[in-house]
Amino acid sequence: MRKSLKHDVLEHRSNTLFGLDFHKFIEKEHLMTTYELAEEFGVSLEAVKKLKQRLNR
């Protein structure tokens, strides 16, 4: 089965939230502070806080 570029983009989007790789974030969440996570993933502190809130639901 052929995969199109559109399918690849949609698949990549489903694996990320706020521009972060969800699985990597969960692995490092318990080991790092909010500031360190923001630095590691290159996002704002606000994005890290929002992601943590969504994970707690």
PDB file of N, CA and C in Angstrom:
ATOM      1  N   MET A   1       0.837  -1.177   0.000  1.00  0.00           N
ATOM      2  CA  MET A   1       0.000   0.000   0.000  1.00  0.00           C
ATOM      3  C   MET A   1       0.884   1.242   0.000  1.00  0.00           C
ATOM      4  N   ARG A   2       0.556   2.181  -0.832  1.00  0.00           N
ATOM      5  CA  ARG A   2       1.341   3.402  -0.935  1.00  0.00           C
ATOM      6  C   ARG A   2       0.888   4.405   0.107  1.00  0.00           C
ATOM      7  N   LYS A   3       1.864   5.085   0.660  1.00  0.00           N
ATOM      8  CA  LYS A   3       1.563   6.155   1.605  1.00  0.00           C
ATOM      9  C   LYS A   3       1.848   7.487   0.931  1.00  0.00           C
ATOM     10  N   SER A   4       0.951   8.393   1.080  1.00  0.00           N
ATOM     11  CA  SER A   4       1.149   9.703   0.488  1.00  0.00           C
ATOM     12  C   SER A   4       1.804  10.636   1.496  1.00  0.00           C
ATOM     13  N   LEU A   5       2.261  11.757   1.009  1.00  0.00           N
ATOM     14  CA  LEU A   5       2.864  12.765   1.866  1.00  0.00           C
ATOM     15  C   LEU A   5       1.838  13.266   2.883  1.00  0.00           C
ATOM     16  N   LYS A   6       0.604  13.422   2.425  1.00  0.00           N
ATOM     17  CA  LYS A   6      -0.466  13.880   3.324  1.00  0.00           C
ATOM     18  C   LYS A   6      -0.653  12.900   4.483  1.00  0.00           C
ATOM     19  N   HIS A   7      -0.620  11.615   4.192  1.00  0.00           N
ATOM     20  CA  HIS A   7      -0.757  10.597   5.236  1.00  0.00           C
ATOM     21  C   HIS A   7       0.400  10.678   6.220  1.00  0.00           C
ATOM     22  N   ASP A   8       1.606  10.873   5.720  1.00  0.00           N
ATOM     23  CA  ASP A   8       2.779  11.004   6.591  1.00  0.00           C
ATOM     24  C   ASP A   8       2.650  12.206   7.518  1.00  0.00           C
ATOM     25  N   VAL A   9       2.182  13.322   6.988  1.00  0.00           N
ATOM     26  CA  VAL A   9       2.017  14.536   7.788  1.00  0.00           C
ATOM     27  C   VAL A   9       0.967  14.311   8.866  1.00  0.00           C
ATOM     28  N   LEU A  10      -0.150  13.725   8.510  1.00  0.00           N
ATOM     29  CA  LEU A  10      -1.213  13.459   9.486  1.00  0.00           C
ATOM     30  C   LEU A  10      -0.754  12.481  10.558  1.00  0.00           C
ATOM     31  N   GLU A  11       0.012  11.488  10.171  1.00  0.00           N
ATOM     32  CA  GLU A  11       0.528  10.518  11.138  1.00  0.00           C
ATOM     33  C   GLU A  11       1.491  11.190  12.109  1.00  0.00           C
ATOM     34  N   HIS A  12       2.341  12.067  11.604  1.00  0.00           N
ATOM     35  CA  HIS A  12       3.295  12.777  12.457  1.00  0.00           C
ATOM     36  C   HIS A  12       2.565  13.693  13.427  1.00  0.00           C
ATOM     37  N   ARG A  13       1.517  14.365  12.962  1.00  0.00           N
ATOM     38  CA  ARG A  13       0.740  15.258  13.825  1.00  0.00           C
ATOM     39  C   ARG A  13       0.074  14.497  14.961  1.00  0.00           C
ATOM     40  N   SER A  14      -0.365  13.279  14.700  1.00  0.00           N
ATOM     41  CA  SER A  14      -1.052  12.509  15.732  1.00  0.00           C
ATOM     42  C   SER A  14      -0.094  12.058  16.831  1.00  0.00           C
ATOM     43  N   ASN A  15       1.198  12.028  16.537  1.00  0.00           N
ATOM     44  CA  ASN A  15       2.189  11.624  17.527  1.00  0.00           C
ATOM     45  C   ASN A  15       2.758  12.796  18.305  1.00  0.00           C
ATOM     46  N   THR A  16       2.319  14.005  18.003  1.00  0.00           N
ATOM     47  CA  THR A  16       2.847  15.177  18.677  1.00  0.00           C
ATOM     48  C   THR A  16       1.720  16.001  19.262  1.00  0.00           C
ATOM     49  N   LEU A  17       2.042  16.747  20.285  1.00  0.00           N
ATOM     50  CA  LEU A  17       1.105  17.664  20.897  1.00  0.00           C
ATOM     51  C   LEU A  17       1.903  18.877  21.300  1.00  0.00           C
ATOM     52  N   PHE A  18       1.471  20.048  20.919  1.00  0.00           N
ATOM     53  CA  PHE A  18       2.208  21.287  21.156  1.00  0.00           C
ATOM     54  C   PHE A  18       3.594  21.242  20.513  1.00  0.00           C
ATOM     55  N   GLY A  19       3.750  20.450  19.475  1.00  0.00           N
ATOM     56  CA  GLY A  19       5.035  20.363  18.795  1.00  0.00           C
ATOM     57  C   GLY A  19       6.035  19.466  19.502  1.00  0.00           C
ATOM     58  N   LEU A  20       5.583  18.677  20.455  1.00  0.00           N
ATOM     59  CA  LEU A  20       6.457  17.778  21.213  1.00  0.00           C
ATOM     60  C   LEU A  20       6.157  16.331  20.866  1.00  0.00           C
ATOM     61  N   ASP A  21       7.162  15.500  20.973  1.00  0.00           N
ATOM     62  CA  ASP A  21       6.948  14.070  20.844  1.00  0.00           C
ATOM     63  C   ASP A  21       6.403  13.580  22.182  1.00  0.00           C
ATOM     64  N   PHE A  22       5.171  13.112  22.174  1.00  0.00           N
ATOM     65  CA  PHE A  22       4.455  12.743  23.378  1.00  0.00           C
ATOM     66  C   PHE A  22       5.196  11.680  24.189  1.00  0.00           C
ATOM     67  N   HIS A  23       5.719  10.664  23.538  1.00  0.00           N
ATOM     68  CA  HIS A  23       6.380   9.570  24.248  1.00  0.00           C
ATOM     69  C   HIS A  23       7.680  10.016  24.915  1.00  0.00           C
ATOM     70  N   LYS A  24       8.449  10.814  24.233  1.00  0.00           N
ATOM     71  CA  LYS A  24       9.687  11.320  24.825  1.00  0.00           C
ATOM     72  C   LYS A  24       9.392  12.224  26.016  1.00  0.00           C
ATOM     73  N   PHE A  25       8.315  13.008  25.901  1.00  0.00           N
ATOM     74  CA  PHE A  25       7.943  13.898  26.990  1.00  0.00           C
ATOM     75  C   PHE A  25       7.603  13.101  28.246  1.00  0.00           C
ATOM     76  N   ILE A  26       6.826  12.050  28.091  1.00  0.00           N
ATOM     77  CA  ILE A  26       6.439  11.229  29.251  1.00  0.00           C
ATOM     78  C   ILE A  26       7.654  10.576  29.885  1.00  0.00           C
ATOM     79  N   GLU A  27       8.600  10.117  29.071  1.00  0.00           N
ATOM     80  CA  GLU A  27       9.807   9.489  29.604  1.00  0.00           C
ATOM     81  C   GLU A  27      10.608  10.464  30.465  1.00  0.00           C
ATOM     82  N   LYS A  28      10.698  11.708  30.038  1.00  0.00           N
ATOM     83  CA  LYS A  28      11.547  12.687  30.716  1.00  0.00           C
ATOM     84  C   LYS A  28      10.808  13.515  31.757  1.00  0.00           C
ATOM     85  N   GLU A  29       9.481  13.447  31.762  1.00  0.00           N
ATOM     86  CA  GLU A  29       8.675  14.283  32.645  1.00  0.00           C
ATOM     87  C   GLU A  29       9.024  14.085  34.121  1.00  0.00           C
ATOM     88  N   HIS A  30       9.270  12.863  34.512  1.00  0.00           N
ATOM     89  CA  HIS A  30       9.530  12.565  35.916  1.00  0.00           C
ATOM     90  C   HIS A  30      10.960  12.889  36.343  1.00  0.00           C
ATOM     91  N   LEU A  31      11.839  13.062  35.378  1.00  0.00           N
ATOM     92  CA  LEU A  31      13.250  13.282  35.671  1.00  0.00           C
ATOM     93  C   LEU A  31      13.677  14.741  35.636  1.00  0.00           C
ATOM     94  N   MET A  32      12.872  15.593  35.010  1.00  0.00           N
ATOM     95  CA  MET A  32      13.279  16.976  34.785  1.00  0.00           C
ATOM     96  C   MET A  32      12.236  17.954  35.321  1.00  0.00           C
ATOM     97  N   THR A  33      12.685  19.169  35.584  1.00  0.00           N
ATOM     98  CA  THR A  33      11.772  20.233  35.989  1.00  0.00           C
ATOM     99  C   THR A  33      11.068  20.788  34.755  1.00  0.00           C
ATOM    100  N   THR A  34      10.064  21.621  34.991  1.00  0.00           N
ATOM    101  CA  THR A  34       9.317  22.224  33.894  1.00  0.00           C
ATOM    102  C   THR A  34      10.237  23.067  33.014  1.00  0.00           C
ATOM    103  N   TYR A  35      11.123  23.817  33.637  1.00  0.00           N
ATOM    104  CA  TYR A  35      12.054  24.654  32.881  1.00  0.00           C
ATOM    105  C   TYR A  35      12.989  23.790  32.026  1.00  0.00           C
ATOM    106  N   GLU A  36      13.506  22.705  32.600  1.00  0.00           N
ATOM    107  CA  GLU A  36      14.405  21.821  31.852  1.00  0.00           C
ATOM    108  C   GLU A  36      13.686  21.161  30.675  1.00  0.00           C
ATOM    109  N   LEU A  37      12.413  20.793  30.873  1.00  0.00           N
ATOM    110  CA  LEU A  37      11.647  20.203  29.775  1.00  0.00           C
ATOM    111  C   LEU A  37      11.449  21.201  28.638  1.00  0.00           C
ATOM    112  N   ALA A  38      11.165  22.454  28.994  1.00  0.00           N
ATOM    113  CA  ALA A  38      10.989  23.491  27.974  1.00  0.00           C
ATOM    114  C   ALA A  38      12.278  23.690  27.183  1.00  0.00           C
ATOM    115  N   GLU A  39      13.397  23.698  27.876  1.00  0.00           N
ATOM    116  CA  GLU A  39      14.698  23.844  27.209  1.00  0.00           C
ATOM    117  C   GLU A  39      14.990  22.637  26.314  1.00  0.00           C
ATOM    118  N   GLU A  40      14.715  21.447  26.809  1.00  0.00           N
ATOM    119  CA  GLU A  40      15.004  20.213  26.086  1.00  0.00           C
ATOM    120  C   GLU A  40      14.222  20.128  24.770  1.00  0.00           C
ATOM    121  N   PHE A  41      12.948  20.495  24.815  1.00  0.00           N
ATOM    122  CA  PHE A  41      12.093  20.355  23.644  1.00  0.00           C
ATOM    123  C   PHE A  41      11.967  21.635  22.836  1.00  0.00           C
ATOM    124  N   GLY A  42      12.536  22.729  23.311  1.00  0.00           N
ATOM    125  CA  GLY A  42      12.523  23.969  22.557  1.00  0.00           C
ATOM    126  C   GLY A  42      11.158  24.629  22.472  1.00  0.00           C
ATOM    127  N   VAL A  43      10.402  24.537  23.539  1.00  0.00           N
ATOM    128  CA  VAL A  43       9.072  25.156  23.591  1.00  0.00           C
ATOM    129  C   VAL A  43       9.002  26.074  24.810  1.00  0.00           C
ATOM    130  N   SER A  44       7.905  26.799  24.913  1.00  0.00           N
ATOM    131  CA  SER A  44       7.732  27.720  26.035  1.00  0.00           C
ATOM    132  C   SER A  44       7.314  26.962  27.299  1.00  0.00           C
ATOM    133  N   LEU A  45       7.500  27.620  28.429  1.00  0.00           N
ATOM    134  CA  LEU A  45       7.059  27.041  29.695  1.00  0.00           C
ATOM    135  C   LEU A  45       5.542  26.839  29.692  1.00  0.00           C
ATOM    136  N   GLU A  46       4.838  27.746  29.045  1.00  0.00           N
ATOM    137  CA  GLU A  46       3.379  27.649  28.960  1.00  0.00           C
ATOM    138  C   GLU A  46       2.955  26.359  28.255  1.00  0.00           C
ATOM    139  N   ALA A  47       3.637  25.997  27.184  1.00  0.00           N
ATOM    140  CA  ALA A  47       3.304  24.774  26.450  1.00  0.00           C
ATOM    141  C   ALA A  47       3.539  23.541  27.318  1.00  0.00           C
ATOM    142  N   VAL A  48       4.614  23.547  28.095  1.00  0.00           N
ATOM    143  CA  VAL A  48       4.901  22.419  28.983  1.00  0.00           C
ATOM    144  C   VAL A  48       3.834  22.316  30.065  1.00  0.00           C
ATOM    145  N   LYS A  49       3.434  23.444  30.632  1.00  0.00           N
ATOM    146  CA  LYS A  49       2.396  23.438  31.663  1.00  0.00           C
ATOM    147  C   LYS A  49       1.071  22.922  31.114  1.00  0.00           C
ATOM    148  N   LYS A  50       0.712  23.355  29.904  1.00  0.00           N
ATOM    149  CA  LYS A  50      -0.541  22.898  29.291  1.00  0.00           C
ATOM    150  C   LYS A  50      -0.507  21.399  29.026  1.00  0.00           C
ATOM    151  N   LEU A  51       0.629  20.899  28.565  1.00  0.00           N
ATOM    152  CA  LEU A  51       0.746  19.479  28.297  1.00  0.00           C
ATOM    153  C   LEU A  51       0.634  18.679  29.585  1.00  0.00           C
ATOM    154  N   LYS A  52       1.255  19.137  30.652  1.00  0.00           N
ATOM    155  CA  LYS A  52       1.152  18.458  31.936  1.00  0.00           C
ATOM    156  C   LYS A  52      -0.298  18.430  32.427  1.00  0.00           C
ATOM    157  N   GLN A  53      -1.024  19.531  32.220  1.00  0.00           N
ATOM    158  CA  GLN A  53      -2.439  19.563  32.606  1.00  0.00           C
ATOM    159  C   GLN A  53      -3.248  18.548  31.817  1.00  0.00           C
ATOM    160  N   ARG A  54      -2.983  18.436  30.538  1.00  0.00           N
ATOM    161  CA  ARG A  54      -3.712  17.470  29.712  1.00  0.00           C
ATOM    162  C   ARG A  54      -3.390  16.042  30.101  1.00  0.00           C
ATOM    163  N   LEU A  55      -2.170  15.786  30.525  1.00  0.00           N
ATOM    164  CA  LEU A  55      -1.797  14.430  30.927  1.00  0.00           C
ATOM    165  C   LEU A  55      -2.481  14.029  32.232  1.00  0.00           C
ATOM    166  N   ASN A  56      -2.785  14.984  33.079  1.00  0.00           N
ATOM    167  CA  ASN A  56      -3.415  14.685  34.359  1.00  0.00           C
ATOM    168  C   ASN A  56      -4.900  14.396  34.239  1.00  0.00           C
ATOM    169  N   ARG A  57      -5.501  14.654  33.103  1.00  0.00           N
ATOM    170  CA  ARG A  57      -6.942  14.394  32.921  1.00  0.00           C
ATOM    171  C   ARG A  57      -7.241  12.949  32.810  1.00  0.00           C
TER     172      ARG A  57
END
